[in-house]
Amino acid sequence: MIVNVYLPCSGTKERASICSSVLADITSRTKIIVAGDINVDLDGCDNMVSQVNSFAERCCLRRCDKIFPSSKRFTYVNEALDKHSYVDYMLTSCPDDVMEFDVLDPDVNYSDHLPLFAII
């Protein structure tokens, strides 16, 4: 099962409850690939980071950016605001099925998020 996840950003009313509900729904699956804008830096330390990392540990999920290290340091880039962060991830319970992973930086991109690319 592939699940595209967009967790609410900081400041969202009942953010922790929404995130908990979404993550609980995914937990019951056998093979999981979670991909999307998680709106937290999983290398940081706050309540949401702990919640997502605990979920990943319970589901035996591995981060594709750790399996396939890249030179890309950001997945969110907003030059006008001078903001950069790594908040988009792909996590998998079947790392041996992922042949390739990268964060792309296309010449034309109408989003402030860089696309994630994987061959599974």
PDB file of N, CA and C in Angstrom:
ATOM      1  N   MET A   1       0.840  -1.169   0.000  1.00  0.00           N
ATOM      2  CA  MET A   1       0.000   0.000   0.000  1.00  0.00           C
ATOM      3  C   MET A   1       0.885   1.233   0.000  1.00  0.00           C
ATOM      4  N   ILE A   2       0.579   2.197  -0.841  1.00  0.00           N
ATOM      5  CA  ILE A   2       1.282   3.469  -0.862  1.00  0.00           C
ATOM      6  C   ILE A   2       0.329   4.516  -0.300  1.00  0.00           C
ATOM      7  N   VAL A   3       0.807   5.252   0.697  1.00  0.00           N
ATOM      8  CA  VAL A   3       0.001   6.288   1.319  1.00  0.00           C
ATOM      9  C   VAL A   3       0.707   7.616   1.133  1.00  0.00           C
ATOM     10  N   ASN A   4       0.061   8.566   0.531  1.00  0.00           N
ATOM     11  CA  ASN A   4       0.615   9.908   0.390  1.00  0.00           C
ATOM     12  C   ASN A   4       0.099  10.727   1.567  1.00  0.00           C
ATOM     13  N   VAL A   5       1.004  11.224   2.388  1.00  0.00           N
ATOM     14  CA  VAL A   5       0.627  11.857   3.644  1.00  0.00           C
ATOM     15  C   VAL A   5       0.958  13.336   3.631  1.00  0.00           C
ATOM     16  N   TYR A   6       0.006  14.139   4.049  1.00  0.00           N
ATOM     17  CA  TYR A   6       0.226  15.559   4.300  1.00  0.00           C
ATOM     18  C   TYR A   6      -0.251  15.827   5.716  1.00  0.00           C
ATOM     19  N   LEU A   7       0.686  15.868   6.641  1.00  0.00           N
ATOM     20  CA  LEU A   7       0.313  16.150   8.019  1.00  0.00           C
ATOM     21  C   LEU A   7       0.204  17.660   8.205  1.00  0.00           C
ATOM     22  N   PRO A   8      -0.660  18.092   9.109  1.00  0.00           N
ATOM     23  CA  PRO A   8      -0.885  19.532   9.288  1.00  0.00           C
ATOM     24  C   PRO A   8       0.351  20.255   9.816  1.00  0.00           C
ATOM     25  N   CYS A   9       0.509  21.499   9.405  1.00  0.00           N
ATOM     26  CA  CYS A   9       1.666  22.293   9.826  1.00  0.00           C
ATOM     27  C   CYS A   9       1.448  22.840  11.231  1.00  0.00           C
ATOM     28  N   SER A  10       2.523  23.349  11.829  1.00  0.00           N
ATOM     29  CA  SER A  10       2.426  23.901  13.175  1.00  0.00           C
ATOM     30  C   SER A  10       1.432  25.055  13.185  1.00  0.00           C
ATOM     31  N   GLY A  11       0.713  25.163  14.269  1.00  0.00           N
ATOM     32  CA  GLY A  11      -0.311  26.194  14.393  1.00  0.00           C
ATOM     33  C   GLY A  11      -1.693  25.697  14.023  1.00  0.00           C
ATOM     34  N   THR A  12      -1.794  24.518  13.413  1.00  0.00           N
ATOM     35  CA  THR A  12      -3.094  23.946  13.051  1.00  0.00           C
ATOM     36  C   THR A  12      -3.819  23.513  14.311  1.00  0.00           C
ATOM     37  N   LYS A  13      -5.084  23.876  14.409  1.00  0.00           N
ATOM     38  CA  LYS A  13      -5.894  23.500  15.565  1.00  0.00           C
ATOM     39  C   LYS A  13      -5.971  21.972  15.652  1.00  0.00           C
ATOM     40  N   GLU A  14      -5.727  21.419  16.824  1.00  0.00           N
ATOM     41  CA  GLU A  14      -5.771  19.979  17.095  1.00  0.00           C
ATOM     42  C   GLU A  14      -4.785  19.186  16.233  1.00  0.00           C
ATOM     43  N   ARG A  15      -3.633  19.778  15.973  1.00  0.00           N
ATOM     44  CA  ARG A  15      -2.622  19.154  15.123  1.00  0.00           C
ATOM     45  C   ARG A  15      -2.215  17.777  15.627  1.00  0.00           C
ATOM     46  N   ALA A  16      -1.919  17.660  16.924  1.00  0.00           N
ATOM     47  CA  ALA A  16      -1.462  16.384  17.472  1.00  0.00           C
ATOM     48  C   ALA A  16      -2.523  15.309  17.320  1.00  0.00           C
ATOM     49  N   SER A  17      -3.775  15.645  17.545  1.00  0.00           N
ATOM     50  CA  SER A  17      -4.878  14.692  17.427  1.00  0.00           C
ATOM     51  C   SER A  17      -5.055  14.221  15.976  1.00  0.00           C
ATOM     52  N   ILE A  18      -4.966  15.153  15.031  1.00  0.00           N
ATOM     53  CA  ILE A  18      -5.094  14.811  13.614  1.00  0.00           C
ATOM     54  C   ILE A  18      -3.954  13.878  13.199  1.00  0.00           C
ATOM     55  N   CYS A  19      -2.734  14.228  13.581  1.00  0.00           N
ATOM     56  CA  CYS A  19      -1.573  13.407  13.227  1.00  0.00           C
ATOM     57  C   CYS A  19      -1.698  12.010  13.837  1.00  0.00           C
ATOM     58  N   SER A  20      -2.106  11.934  15.080  1.00  0.00           N
ATOM     59  CA  SER A  20      -2.260  10.657  15.757  1.00  0.00           C
ATOM     60  C   SER A  20      -3.273   9.776  15.035  1.00  0.00           C
ATOM     61  N   SER A  21      -4.371  10.352  14.614  1.00  0.00           N
ATOM     62  CA  SER A  21      -5.419   9.617  13.911  1.00  0.00           C
ATOM     63  C   SER A  21      -4.925   9.092  12.559  1.00  0.00           C
ATOM     64  N   VAL A  22      -4.241   9.944  11.800  1.00  0.00           N
ATOM     65  CA  VAL A  22      -3.720   9.536  10.492  1.00  0.00           C
ATOM     66  C   VAL A  22      -2.709   8.405  10.651  1.00  0.00           C
ATOM     67  N   LEU A  23      -1.794   8.544  11.597  1.00  0.00           N
ATOM     68  CA  LEU A  23      -0.754   7.533  11.790  1.00  0.00           C
ATOM     69  C   LEU A  23      -1.345   6.219  12.292  1.00  0.00           C
ATOM     70  N   ALA A  24      -2.352   6.279  13.135  1.00  0.00           N
ATOM     71  CA  ALA A  24      -3.004   5.066  13.630  1.00  0.00           C
ATOM     72  C   ALA A  24      -3.674   4.310  12.496  1.00  0.00           C
ATOM     73  N   ASP A  25      -4.260   5.011  11.562  1.00  0.00           N
ATOM     74  CA  ASP A  25      -4.928   4.374  10.431  1.00  0.00           C
ATOM     75  C   ASP A  25      -3.936   3.607   9.554  1.00  0.00           C
ATOM     76  N   ILE A  26      -2.726   4.106   9.434  1.00  0.00           N
ATOM     77  CA  ILE A  26      -1.706   3.475   8.586  1.00  0.00           C
ATOM     78  C   ILE A  26      -1.097   2.250   9.261  1.00  0.00           C
ATOM     79  N   THR A  27      -1.045   2.242  10.582  1.00  0.00           N
ATOM     80  CA  THR A  27      -0.332   1.224  11.352  1.00  0.00           C
ATOM     81  C   THR A  27      -0.771  -0.203  11.056  1.00  0.00           C
ATOM     82  N   SER A  28      -2.014  -0.410  10.680  1.00  0.00           N
ATOM     83  CA  SER A  28      -2.535  -1.765  10.497  1.00  0.00           C
ATOM     84  C   SER A  28      -2.128  -2.415   9.168  1.00  0.00           C
ATOM     85  N   ARG A  29      -1.427  -1.744   8.321  1.00  0.00           N
ATOM     86  CA  ARG A  29      -1.061  -2.269   6.993  1.00  0.00           C
ATOM     87  C   ARG A  29       0.166  -3.175   7.091  1.00  0.00           C
ATOM     88  N   THR A  30       0.361  -4.080   6.105  1.00  0.00           N
ATOM     89  CA  THR A  30       1.500  -4.987   6.142  1.00  0.00           C
ATOM     90  C   THR A  30       2.740  -4.397   5.480  1.00  0.00           C
ATOM     91  N   LYS A  31       2.642  -3.999   4.224  1.00  0.00           N
ATOM     92  CA  LYS A  31       3.747  -3.320   3.552  1.00  0.00           C
ATOM     93  C   LYS A  31       3.345  -1.866   3.415  1.00  0.00           C
ATOM     94  N   ILE A  32       4.210  -0.994   3.891  1.00  0.00           N
ATOM     95  CA  ILE A  32       3.852   0.419   3.938  1.00  0.00           C
ATOM     96  C   ILE A  32       4.925   1.261   3.270  1.00  0.00           C
ATOM     97  N   ILE A  33       4.481   2.207   2.450  1.00  0.00           N
ATOM     98  CA  ILE A  33       5.335   3.289   1.967  1.00  0.00           C
ATOM     99  C   ILE A  33       4.571   4.570   2.260  1.00  0.00           C
ATOM    100  N   VAL A  34       5.126   5.383   3.112  1.00  0.00           N
ATOM    101  CA  VAL A  34       4.519   6.659   3.455  1.00  0.00           C
ATOM    102  C   VAL A  34       5.364   7.739   2.805  1.00  0.00           C
ATOM    103  N   ALA A  35       4.727   8.597   2.010  1.00  0.00           N
ATOM    104  CA  ALA A  35       5.478   9.634   1.317  1.00  0.00           C
ATOM    105  C   ALA A  35       4.703  10.939   1.355  1.00  0.00           C
ATOM    106  N   GLY A  36       5.421  12.030   1.538  1.00  0.00           N
ATOM    107  CA  GLY A  36       4.759  13.317   1.444  1.00  0.00           C
ATOM    108  C   GLY A  36       5.338  14.367   2.364  1.00  0.00           C
ATOM    109  N   ASP A  37       4.594  15.441   2.451  1.00  0.00           N
ATOM    110  CA  ASP A  37       4.949  16.600   3.261  1.00  0.00           C
ATOM    111  C   ASP A  37       4.510  16.328   4.697  1.00  0.00           C
ATOM    112  N   ILE A  38       5.447  15.951   5.535  1.00  0.00           N
ATOM    113  CA  ILE A  38       5.127  15.611   6.916  1.00  0.00           C
ATOM    114  C   ILE A  38       5.121  16.866   7.794  1.00  0.00           C
ATOM    115  N   ASN A  39       5.645  17.963   7.284  1.00  0.00           N
ATOM    116  CA  ASN A  39       5.646  19.241   8.000  1.00  0.00           C
ATOM    117  C   ASN A  39       6.419  19.237   9.310  1.00  0.00           C
ATOM    118  N   VAL A  40       7.371  18.331   9.435  1.00  0.00           N
ATOM    119  CA  VAL A  40       8.315  18.349  10.551  1.00  0.00           C
ATOM    120  C   VAL A  40       9.672  17.887  10.033  1.00  0.00           C
ATOM    121  N   ASP A  41      10.719  18.353  10.661  1.00  0.00           N
ATOM    122  CA  ASP A  41      12.069  17.889  10.372  1.00  0.00           C
ATOM    123  C   ASP A  41      12.317  16.699  11.290  1.00  0.00           C
ATOM    124  N   LEU A  42      12.360  15.498  10.739  1.00  0.00           N
ATOM    125  CA  LEU A  42      12.473  14.292  11.552  1.00  0.00           C
ATOM    126  C   LEU A  42      13.804  14.174  12.290  1.00  0.00           C
ATOM    127  N   ASP A  43      14.741  15.052  12.004  1.00  0.00           N
ATOM    128  CA  ASP A  43      15.992  15.089  12.751  1.00  0.00           C
ATOM    129  C   ASP A  43      15.922  16.099  13.898  1.00  0.00           C
ATOM    130  N   GLY A  44      14.795  16.793  14.016  1.00  0.00           N
ATOM    131  CA  GLY A  44      14.606  17.778  15.085  1.00  0.00           C
ATOM    132  C   GLY A  44      14.136  17.108  16.357  1.00  0.00           C
ATOM    133  N   CYS A  45      13.677  17.926  17.297  1.00  0.00           N
ATOM    134  CA  CYS A  45      13.163  17.351  18.541  1.00  0.00           C
ATOM    135  C   CYS A  45      12.022  18.229  19.066  1.00  0.00           C
ATOM    136  N   ASP A  46      10.818  17.736  18.864  1.00  0.00           N
ATOM    137  CA  ASP A  46       9.633  18.318  19.483  1.00  0.00           C
ATOM    138  C   ASP A  46       8.577  17.224  19.535  1.00  0.00           C
ATOM    139  N   ASN A  47       7.399  17.538  20.019  1.00  0.00           N
ATOM    140  CA  ASN A  47       6.352  16.542  20.211  1.00  0.00           C
ATOM    141  C   ASN A  47       5.961  15.855  18.902  1.00  0.00           C
ATOM    142  N   MET A  48       5.822  16.615  17.819  1.00  0.00           N
ATOM    143  CA  MET A  48       5.411  16.024  16.545  1.00  0.00           C
ATOM    144  C   MET A  48       6.498  15.114  15.977  1.00  0.00           C
ATOM    145  N   VAL A  49       7.747  15.520  16.116  1.00  0.00           N
ATOM    146  CA  VAL A  49       8.865  14.686  15.658  1.00  0.00           C
ATOM    147  C   VAL A  49       8.842  13.357  16.415  1.00  0.00           C
ATOM    148  N   SER A  50       8.654  13.426  17.729  1.00  0.00           N
ATOM    149  CA  SER A  50       8.596  12.211  18.547  1.00  0.00           C
ATOM    150  C   SER A  50       7.447  11.318  18.122  1.00  0.00           C
ATOM    151  N   GLN A  51       6.291  11.918  17.833  1.00  0.00           N
ATOM    152  CA  GLN A  51       5.120  11.145  17.437  1.00  0.00           C
ATOM    153  C   GLN A  51       5.367  10.424  16.109  1.00  0.00           C
ATOM    154  N   VAL A  52       5.899  11.129  15.120  1.00  0.00           N
ATOM    155  CA  VAL A  52       6.146  10.519  13.812  1.00  0.00           C
ATOM    156  C   VAL A  52       7.257   9.474  13.912  1.00  0.00           C
ATOM    157  N   ASN A  53       8.337   9.779  14.632  1.00  0.00           N
ATOM    158  CA  ASN A  53       9.429   8.813  14.769  1.00  0.00           C
ATOM    159  C   ASN A  53       9.003   7.576  15.555  1.00  0.00           C
ATOM    160  N   SER A  54       8.150   7.730  16.551  1.00  0.00           N
ATOM    161  CA  SER A  54       7.622   6.575  17.296  1.00  0.00           C
ATOM    162  C   SER A  54       6.763   5.705  16.389  1.00  0.00           C
ATOM    163  N   PHE A  55       5.930   6.353  15.573  1.00  0.00           N
ATOM    164  CA  PHE A  55       5.110   5.631  14.595  1.00  0.00           C
ATOM    165  C   PHE A  55       6.008   4.840  13.644  1.00  0.00           C
ATOM    166  N   ALA A  56       7.054   5.482  13.134  1.00  0.00           N
ATOM    167  CA  ALA A  56       7.972   4.824  12.200  1.00  0.00           C
ATOM    168  C   ALA A  56       8.641   3.617  12.863  1.00  0.00           C
ATOM    169  N   GLU A  57       9.020   3.770  14.099  1.00  0.00           N
ATOM    170  CA  GLU A  57       9.660   2.671  14.817  1.00  0.00           C
ATOM    171  C   GLU A  57       8.683   1.519  15.045  1.00  0.00           C
ATOM    172  N   ARG A  58       7.449   1.826  15.452  1.00  0.00           N
ATOM    173  CA  ARG A  58       6.427   0.782  15.672  1.00  0.00           C
ATOM    174  C   ARG A  58       6.145  -0.003  14.394  1.00  0.00           C
ATOM    175  N   CYS A  59       6.157   0.678  13.258  1.00  0.00           N
ATOM    176  CA  CYS A  59       5.851   0.045  11.964  1.00  0.00           C
ATOM    177  C   CYS A  59       7.094  -0.456  11.245  1.00  0.00           C
ATOM    178  N   CYS A  60       8.252  -0.369  11.904  1.00  0.00           N
ATOM    179  CA  CYS A  60       9.529  -0.794  11.302  1.00  0.00           C
ATOM    180  C   CYS A  60       9.779  -0.079   9.979  1.00  0.00           C
ATOM    181  N   LEU A  61       9.526   1.225   9.948  1.00  0.00           N
ATOM    182  CA  LEU A  61       9.726   2.022   8.738  1.00  0.00           C
ATOM    183  C   LEU A  61      11.138   2.590   8.711  1.00  0.00           C
ATOM    184  N   ARG A  62      11.731   2.570   7.523  1.00  0.00           N
ATOM    185  CA  ARG A  62      13.044   3.175   7.325  1.00  0.00           C
ATOM    186  C   ARG A  62      12.915   4.366   6.407  1.00  0.00           C
ATOM    187  N   ARG A  63      13.661   5.412   6.698  1.00  0.00           N
ATOM    188  CA  ARG A  63      13.660   6.617   5.875  1.00  0.00           C
ATOM    189  C   ARG A  63      14.490   6.396   4.624  1.00  0.00           C
ATOM    190  N   CYS A  64      13.890   6.688   3.473  1.00  0.00           N
ATOM    191  CA  CYS A  64      14.607   6.512   2.200  1.00  0.00           C
ATOM    192  C   CYS A  64      15.782   7.469   2.076  1.00  0.00           C
ATOM    193  N   ASP A  65      15.694   8.657   2.693  1.00  0.00           N
ATOM    194  CA  ASP A  65      16.820   9.586   2.635  1.00  0.00           C
ATOM    195  C   ASP A  65      18.007   9.082   3.442  1.00  0.00           C
ATOM    196  N   LYS A  66      17.793   8.135   4.343  1.00  0.00           N
ATOM    197  CA  LYS A  66      18.897   7.524   5.086  1.00  0.00           C
ATOM    198  C   LYS A  66      19.434   6.304   4.339  1.00  0.00           C
ATOM    199  N   ILE A  67      18.549   5.595   3.624  1.00  0.00           N
ATOM    200  CA  ILE A  67      18.967   4.435   2.839  1.00  0.00           C
ATOM    201  C   ILE A  67      19.787   4.885   1.629  1.00  0.00           C
ATOM    202  N   PHE A  68      19.335   5.982   0.987  1.00  0.00           N
ATOM    203  CA  PHE A  68      19.997   6.542  -0.192  1.00  0.00           C
ATOM    204  C   PHE A  68      20.406   7.988   0.110  1.00  0.00           C
ATOM    205  N   PRO A  69      21.504   8.183   0.835  1.00  0.00           N
ATOM    206  CA  PRO A  69      21.918   9.550   1.162  1.00  0.00           C
ATOM    207  C   PRO A  69      22.137  10.390  -0.101  1.00  0.00           C
ATOM    208  N   SER A  70      21.752  11.649  -0.007  1.00  0.00           N
ATOM    209  CA  SER A  70      21.830  12.568  -1.141  1.00  0.00           C
ATOM    210  C   SER A  70      22.522  13.848  -0.705  1.00  0.00           C
ATOM    211  N   SER A  71      22.952  14.606  -1.668  1.00  0.00           N
ATOM    212  CA  SER A  71      23.551  15.900  -1.364  1.00  0.00           C
ATOM    213  C   SER A  71      22.483  16.966  -1.110  1.00  0.00           C
ATOM    214  N   LYS A  72      21.216  16.640  -1.402  1.00  0.00           N
ATOM    215  CA  LYS A  72      20.124  17.604  -1.209  1.00  0.00           C
ATOM    216  C   LYS A  72      19.865  17.783   0.288  1.00  0.00           C
ATOM    217  N   ARG A  73      19.921  18.996   0.748  1.00  0.00           N
ATOM    218  CA  ARG A  73      19.720  19.274   2.173  1.00  0.00           C
ATOM    219  C   ARG A  73      18.332  19.794   2.469  1.00  0.00           C
ATOM    220  N   PHE A  74      17.555  20.101   1.422  1.00  0.00           N
ATOM    221  CA  PHE A  74      16.227  20.671   1.631  1.00  0.00           C
ATOM    222  C   PHE A  74      15.213  20.004   0.707  1.00  0.00           C
ATOM    223  N   THR A  75      13.960  19.943   1.157  1.00  0.00           N
ATOM    224  CA  THR A  75      12.862  19.526   0.282  1.00  0.00           C
ATOM    225  C   THR A  75      11.857  20.664   0.131  1.00  0.00           C
ATOM    226  N   TYR A  76      11.945  21.646   1.009  1.00  0.00           N
ATOM    227  CA  TYR A  76      11.113  22.852   0.920  1.00  0.00           C
ATOM    228  C   TYR A  76      12.059  24.027   0.723  1.00  0.00           C
ATOM    229  N   VAL A  77      11.839  24.779  -0.353  1.00  0.00           N
ATOM    230  CA  VAL A  77      12.703  25.915  -0.662  1.00  0.00           C
ATOM    231  C   VAL A  77      11.822  27.083  -1.090  1.00  0.00           C
ATOM    232  N   ASN A  78      11.873  28.163  -0.321  1.00  0.00           N
ATOM    233  CA  ASN A  78      11.140  29.375  -0.684  1.00  0.00           C
ATOM    234  C   ASN A  78      12.146  30.513  -0.692  1.00  0.00           C
ATOM    235  N   GLU A  79      12.651  30.803  -1.873  1.00  0.00           N
ATOM    236  CA  GLU A  79      13.692  31.834  -2.024  1.00  0.00           C
ATOM    237  C   GLU A  79      13.185  33.211  -1.597  1.00  0.00           C
ATOM    238  N   ALA A  80      11.940  33.542  -1.924  1.00  0.00           N
ATOM    239  CA  ALA A  80      11.386  34.862  -1.603  1.00  0.00           C
ATOM    240  C   ALA A  80      11.367  35.100  -0.097  1.00  0.00           C
ATOM    241  N   LEU A  81      11.067  34.069   0.671  1.00  0.00           N
ATOM    242  CA  LEU A  81      11.032  34.186   2.133  1.00  0.00           C
ATOM    243  C   LEU A  81      12.353  33.792   2.778  1.00  0.00           C
ATOM    244  N   ASP A  82      13.311  33.337   1.961  1.00  0.00           N
ATOM    245  CA  ASP A  82      14.595  32.833   2.449  1.00  0.00           C
ATOM    246  C   ASP A  82      14.388  31.728   3.490  1.00  0.00           C
ATOM    247  N   LYS A  83      13.478  30.790   3.159  1.00  0.00           N
ATOM    248  CA  LYS A  83      13.165  29.661   4.042  1.00  0.00           C
ATOM    249  C   LYS A  83      13.545  28.367   3.342  1.00  0.00           C
ATOM    250  N   HIS A  84      14.174  27.467   4.085  1.00  0.00           N
ATOM    251  CA  HIS A  84      14.584  26.172   3.569  1.00  0.00           C
ATOM    252  C   HIS A  84      14.422  25.153   4.694  1.00  0.00           C
ATOM    253  N   SER A  85      13.923  23.977   4.369  1.00  0.00           N
ATOM    254  CA  SER A  85      13.824  22.926   5.375  1.00  0.00           C
ATOM    255  C   SER A  85      13.686  21.570   4.700  1.00  0.00           C
ATOM    256  N   TYR A  86      13.842  20.531   5.490  1.00  0.00           N
ATOM    257  CA  TYR A  86      13.647  19.161   5.010  1.00  0.00           C
ATOM    258  C   TYR A  86      12.415  18.634   5.727  1.00  0.00           C
ATOM    259  N   VAL A  87      11.260  18.678   5.062  1.00  0.00           N
ATOM    260  CA  VAL A  87       9.997  18.290   5.682  1.00  0.00           C
ATOM    261  C   VAL A  87       9.227  17.257   4.856  1.00  0.00           C
ATOM    262  N   ASP A  88       9.755  16.864   3.704  1.00  0.00           N
ATOM    263  CA  ASP A  88       9.115  15.873   2.846  1.00  0.00           C
ATOM    264  C   ASP A  88       9.927  14.581   2.941  1.00  0.00           C
ATOM    265  N   TYR A  89       9.229  13.486   3.171  1.00  0.00           N
ATOM    266  CA  TYR A  89       9.919  12.217   3.403  1.00  0.00           C
ATOM    267  C   TYR A  89       9.235  11.078   2.689  1.00  0.00           C
ATOM    268  N   MET A  90       9.992  10.002   2.516  1.00  0.00           N
ATOM    269  CA  MET A  90       9.445   8.729   2.096  1.00  0.00           C
ATOM    270  C   MET A  90       9.986   7.699   3.084  1.00  0.00           C
ATOM    271  N   LEU A  91       9.061   6.990   3.740  1.00  0.00           N
ATOM    272  CA  LEU A  91       9.418   5.958   4.705  1.00  0.00           C
ATOM    273  C   LEU A  91       8.827   4.641   4.211  1.00  0.00           C
ATOM    274  N   THR A  92       9.554   3.541   4.435  1.00  0.00           N
ATOM    275  CA  THR A  92       9.091   2.265   3.917  1.00  0.00           C
ATOM    276  C   THR A  92       9.323   1.133   4.910  1.00  0.00           C
ATOM    277  N   SER A  93       8.390   0.195   4.910  1.00  0.00           N
ATOM    278  CA  SER A  93       8.563  -1.016   5.710  1.00  0.00           C
ATOM    279  C   SER A  93       9.262  -2.104   4.892  1.00  0.00           C
ATOM    280  N   CYS A  94       9.483  -1.831   3.624  1.00  0.00           N
ATOM    281  CA  CYS A  94      10.124  -2.813   2.738  1.00  0.00           C
ATOM    282  C   CYS A  94      11.307  -2.163   2.016  1.00  0.00           C
ATOM    283  N   PRO A  95      12.379  -1.849   2.751  1.00  0.00           N
ATOM    284  CA  PRO A  95      13.508  -1.127   2.144  1.00  0.00           C
ATOM    285  C   PRO A  95      14.189  -1.884   1.013  1.00  0.00           C
ATOM    286  N   ASP A  96      14.117  -3.205   1.024  1.00  0.00           N
ATOM    287  CA  ASP A  96      14.748  -3.975  -0.052  1.00  0.00           C
ATOM    288  C   ASP A  96      14.007  -3.817  -1.377  1.00  0.00           C
ATOM    289  N   ASP A  97      12.754  -3.352  -1.326  1.00  0.00           N
ATOM    290  CA  ASP A  97      11.965  -3.139  -2.543  1.00  0.00           C
ATOM    291  C   ASP A  97      12.250  -1.783  -3.200  1.00  0.00           C
ATOM    292  N   VAL A  98      12.932  -0.899  -2.487  1.00  0.00           N
ATOM    293  CA  VAL A  98      13.235   0.434  -3.018  1.00  0.00           C
ATOM    294  C   VAL A  98      14.575   0.355  -3.735  1.00  0.00           C
ATOM    295  N   MET A  99      14.519   0.530  -5.057  1.00  0.00           N
ATOM    296  CA  MET A  99      15.726   0.414  -5.879  1.00  0.00           C
ATOM    297  C   MET A  99      16.510   1.727  -5.932  1.00  0.00           C
ATOM    298  N   GLU A 100      15.773   2.835  -5.853  1.00  0.00           N
ATOM    299  CA  GLU A 100      16.405   4.149  -5.965  1.00  0.00           C
ATOM    300  C   GLU A 100      15.517   5.181  -5.285  1.00  0.00           C
ATOM    301  N   PHE A 101      16.144   6.198  -4.706  1.00  0.00           N
ATOM    302  CA  PHE A 101      15.417   7.313  -4.104  1.00  0.00           C
ATOM    303  C   PHE A 101      16.267   8.569  -4.253  1.00  0.00           C
ATOM    304  N   ASP A 102      15.595   9.691  -4.520  1.00  0.00           N
ATOM    305  CA  ASP A 102      16.305  10.969  -4.603  1.00  0.00           C
ATOM    306  C   ASP A 102      15.303  12.110  -4.430  1.00  0.00           C
ATOM    307  N   VAL A 103      15.823  13.249  -4.095  1.00  0.00           N
ATOM    308  CA  VAL A 103      15.053  14.495  -4.092  1.00  0.00           C
ATOM    309  C   VAL A 103      15.461  15.216  -5.366  1.00  0.00           C
ATOM    310  N   LEU A 104      14.487  15.459  -6.236  1.00  0.00           N
ATOM    311  CA  LEU A 104      14.787  16.074  -7.529  1.00  0.00           C
ATOM    312  C   LEU A 104      14.813  17.594  -7.418  1.00  0.00           C
ATOM    313  N   ASP A 105      15.539  18.219  -8.317  1.00  0.00           N
ATOM    314  CA  ASP A 105      15.587  19.679  -8.390  1.00  0.00           C
ATOM    315  C   ASP A 105      15.392  20.082  -9.847  1.00  0.00           C
ATOM    316  N   PRO A 106      14.140  19.978 -10.344  1.00  0.00           N
ATOM    317  CA  PRO A 106      13.896  20.244 -11.764  1.00  0.00           C
ATOM    318  C   PRO A 106      14.068  21.717 -12.109  1.00  0.00           C
ATOM    319  N   ASP A 107      14.380  21.972 -13.393  1.00  0.00           N
ATOM    320  CA  ASP A 107      14.522  23.352 -13.859  1.00  0.00           C
ATOM    321  C   ASP A 107      13.210  24.119 -13.717  1.00  0.00           C
ATOM    322  N   VAL A 108      12.096  23.452 -13.994  1.00  0.00           N
ATOM    323  CA  VAL A 108      10.780  24.083 -13.853  1.00  0.00           C
ATOM    324  C   VAL A 108      10.035  23.368 -12.737  1.00  0.00           C
ATOM    325  N   ASN A 109       9.682  24.127 -11.704  1.00  0.00           N
ATOM    326  CA  ASN A 109       8.957  23.573 -10.559  1.00  0.00           C
ATOM    327  C   ASN A 109       8.067  24.685 -10.017  1.00  0.00           C
ATOM    328  N   TYR A 110       6.771  24.526 -10.116  1.00  0.00           N
ATOM    329  CA  TYR A 110       5.838  25.559  -9.675  1.00  0.00           C
ATOM    330  C   TYR A 110       5.495  25.444  -8.192  1.00  0.00           C
ATOM    331  N   SER A 111       6.130  24.516  -7.514  1.00  0.00           N
ATOM    332  CA  SER A 111       5.896  24.327  -6.087  1.00  0.00           C
ATOM    333  C   SER A 111       7.114  24.799  -5.306  1.00  0.00           C
ATOM    334  N   ASP A 112       6.923  25.087  -4.026  1.00  0.00           N
ATOM    335  CA  ASP A 112       8.073  25.405  -3.173  1.00  0.00           C
ATOM    336  C   ASP A 112       8.621  24.142  -2.510  1.00  0.00           C
ATOM    337  N   HIS A 113       8.059  22.985  -2.857  1.00  0.00           N
ATOM    338  CA  HIS A 113       8.572  21.695  -2.404  1.00  0.00           C
ATOM    339  C   HIS A 113       9.247  21.006  -3.584  1.00  0.00           C
ATOM    340  N   LEU A 114      10.383  20.371  -3.318  1.00  0.00           N
ATOM    341  CA  LEU A 114      11.055  19.610  -4.358  1.00  0.00           C
ATOM    342  C   LEU A 114      10.443  18.216  -4.400  1.00  0.00           C
ATOM    343  N   PRO A 115      10.270  17.660  -5.599  1.00  0.00           N
ATOM    344  CA  PRO A 115       9.640  16.330  -5.700  1.00  0.00           C
ATOM    345  C   PRO A 115      10.551  15.211  -5.213  1.00  0.00           C
ATOM    346  N   LEU A 116       9.918  14.234  -4.563  1.00  0.00           N
ATOM    347  CA  LEU A 116      10.602  13.018  -4.162  1.00  0.00           C
ATOM    348  C   LEU A 116      10.465  12.023  -5.314  1.00  0.00           C
ATOM    349  N   PHE A 117      11.513  11.256  -5.557  1.00  0.00           N
ATOM    350  CA  PHE A 117      11.520  10.293  -6.651  1.00  0.00           C
ATOM    351  C   PHE A 117      11.971   8.941  -6.103  1.00  0.00           C
ATOM    352  N   ALA A 118      11.260   7.886  -6.448  1.00  0.00           N
ATOM    353  CA  ALA A 118      11.660   6.547  -6.034  1.00  0.00           C
ATOM    354  C   ALA A 118      11.326   5.544  -7.129  1.00  0.00           C
ATOM    355  N   ILE A 119      12.168   4.539  -7.233  1.00  0.00           N
ATOM    356  CA  ILE A 119      11.872   3.369  -8.045  1.00  0.00           C
ATOM    357  C   ILE A 119      11.669   2.221  -7.051  1.00  0.00           C
ATOM    358  N   ILE A 120      10.463   1.650  -7.117  1.00  0.00           N
ATOM    359  CA  ILE A 120      10.103   0.597  -6.159  1.00  0.00           C
ATOM    360  C   ILE A 120       9.762  -0.662  -6.915  1.00  0.00           C
TER     361      ILE A 120
END
